[in-house]
Protein backbone atom coordinates (compact mmCIF):
# COMPACT_ATOMS: atom_id res chain seq x y z
CA MET A 1 4.59 -12.46 27.62
CA ARG A 2 2.91 -9.46 27.26
CA LEU A 3 0.83 -8.86 25.06
CA ASN A 4 -0.67 -4.96 23.65
CA GLU A 5 -3.94 -4.43 21.34
CA ILE A 6 -2.80 -2.10 18.49
CA THR A 7 -4.50 0.32 17.17
CA TYR A 8 -4.84 2.20 14.03
CA ASN A 9 -5.64 5.80 14.22
CA ASN A 10 -5.83 6.88 10.60
CA ALA A 11 -6.27 3.94 8.23
CA THR A 12 -7.35 0.03 7.85
CA PRO A 13 -4.59 -2.83 8.33
CA VAL A 14 -4.30 -5.73 5.98
CA ASP A 15 -6.42 -8.52 7.47
CA GLY A 16 -5.32 -11.39 4.56
CA TYR A 17 -4.44 -11.72 0.94
CA GLY A 18 -4.62 -14.52 -1.36
CA PRO A 19 -4.43 -15.59 -5.08
CA GLY A 20 -6.22 -12.58 -6.81
CA PHE A 21 -7.11 -10.60 -4.13
CA PHE A 22 -6.41 -8.10 -0.80
CA ARG A 23 -9.08 -8.44 2.44
CA ILE A 24 -8.81 -5.08 3.67
CA GLY A 25 -11.09 -3.99 7.10
CA GLY A 26 -12.70 -7.30 6.68
CA GLN A 27 -13.79 -6.58 3.29
CA VAL A 28 -12.13 -8.60 0.41
CA HIS A 29 -10.94 -7.00 -2.56
CA GLU A 30 -10.55 -8.64 -6.02
CA GLY A 31 -7.58 -7.19 -8.04
CA ALA A 32 -4.86 -4.51 -7.58
CA VAL A 33 -5.83 -2.36 -4.66
CA LEU A 34 -5.07 0.99 -3.11
CA THR A 35 -5.05 1.96 0.78
CA GLY A 36 -4.29 4.30 2.90
CA PRO A 37 -6.07 7.38 5.02
CA SER A 38 -8.18 8.53 2.16
CA GLY A 39 -9.82 4.71 2.13
CA THR A 40 -9.34 1.49 -0.02
CA THR A 41 -9.94 1.98 -3.74
CA GLY A 42 -9.13 -0.69 -7.14
CA TRP A 43 -6.30 1.04 -8.40
CA GLY A 44 -5.51 0.50 -12.46
CA GLY A 45 -1.62 -0.14 -11.57
CA TYR A 46 0.82 0.84 -13.48
CA ASP A 47 -0.14 3.07 -15.75
CA ASP A 48 -2.43 4.77 -12.67
CA GLN A 49 0.07 7.68 -11.52
CA SER A 50 -3.28 9.92 -10.90
CA SER A 51 -4.67 8.11 -7.82
CA LEU A 52 -0.56 7.47 -6.58
CA LEU A 53 0.42 11.30 -7.30
CA ALA A 54 -2.93 12.29 -6.05
CA LEU A 55 -1.72 11.51 -2.45
CA ALA A 56 1.71 14.02 -1.88
CA GLY A 57 1.92 15.68 1.20
CA HIS A 58 -0.90 13.44 2.58
CA LEU A 59 1.45 10.87 2.96
CA ASP A 60 5.91 10.37 3.48
CA VAL A 61 6.23 6.59 1.80
CA LEU A 62 4.38 4.50 -0.19
CA LEU A 63 4.63 0.89 -0.61
CA ILE A 64 4.06 -0.52 -4.06
CA GLY A 65 3.37 -4.88 -3.72
CA THR A 66 4.60 -5.78 -6.89
CA GLY A 67 2.75 -9.05 -6.85
CA ALA A 68 3.98 -12.56 -5.84
CA ASP A 69 7.84 -11.09 -6.79
CA LEU A 70 9.77 -8.32 -6.53
CA ALA A 71 9.97 -6.50 -9.57
CA HIS A 72 11.06 -3.16 -10.38
CA ILE A 73 8.52 -0.10 -11.27
CA PRO A 74 8.45 1.65 -14.44
CA SER A 75 11.06 4.08 -14.20
CA ASP A 76 8.24 6.79 -15.44
CA LEU A 77 6.56 5.85 -12.26
CA ARG A 78 9.09 5.87 -9.57
CA ALA A 79 10.47 9.52 -10.98
CA ALA A 80 6.74 10.99 -11.26
CA LEU A 81 6.20 9.69 -7.26
CA GLU A 82 9.64 11.12 -6.01
CA GLN A 83 9.45 14.21 -8.09
CA ALA A 84 5.97 15.03 -6.06
CA GLY A 85 7.36 14.56 -2.50
CA ILE A 86 6.42 10.86 -2.38
CA GLY A 87 9.01 8.04 -0.73
CA VAL A 88 8.75 5.02 -2.49
CA GLU A 89 9.20 1.72 -1.23
CA ILE A 90 8.89 -1.61 -3.70
CA MET A 91 8.42 -5.32 -2.57
CA ASN A 92 6.53 -7.69 -3.31
CA SER A 93 2.87 -7.74 -1.96
CA PRO A 94 2.69 -9.94 1.44
CA ALA A 95 6.18 -8.43 2.51
CA ALA A 96 4.07 -4.79 1.58
CA CYS A 97 0.82 -5.68 3.88
CA ARG A 98 2.86 -6.97 6.87
CA THR A 99 5.10 -4.00 6.78
CA TYR A 100 2.18 -1.66 5.93
CA ASN A 101 0.45 -3.22 8.85
CA VAL A 102 3.41 -2.65 11.20
CA LEU A 103 4.13 0.32 10.21
CA LEU A 104 0.63 1.84 10.30
CA SER A 105 0.44 0.65 13.73
CA GLU A 106 3.41 3.02 14.72
CA GLY A 107 1.25 5.81 13.27
CA ARG A 108 3.33 6.53 10.50
CA ARG A 109 1.93 8.40 7.11
CA ILE A 110 2.00 5.32 4.90
CA ALA A 111 -0.25 4.35 1.58
CA LEU A 112 -0.28 0.78 -0.03
CA ALA A 113 -0.72 0.35 -3.36
CA LEU A 114 -1.03 -3.69 -4.02
CA LEU A 115 -0.95 -6.20 -7.26
CA PRO A 116 -2.18 -9.17 -6.88
CA THR A 117 -0.57 -12.63 -6.21
């Protein structure tokens, strides 16, 4: 088997996660988090639309991790993101972390908003 080193050009991958935390780029972040090309910060959850809308024009897809289980996001949040031209993919947080890392390694313009498990 041939192994290739993965290079992440414009953002930092998720290294791990557990109950209530995410490890991104070697740093532990507790609670909800937003990460992408502009760095990693805390996220106020579904009520914090402004942080997500600020990404408009800088990415093609926003992955939203809904915690341990897949859940719907508020319809007003989805509508605001789509109106701003941000594609939205919803999945549980562990799947969102894995998908983010794969798409990031492909050089895609993505960001990741996560609720803890």
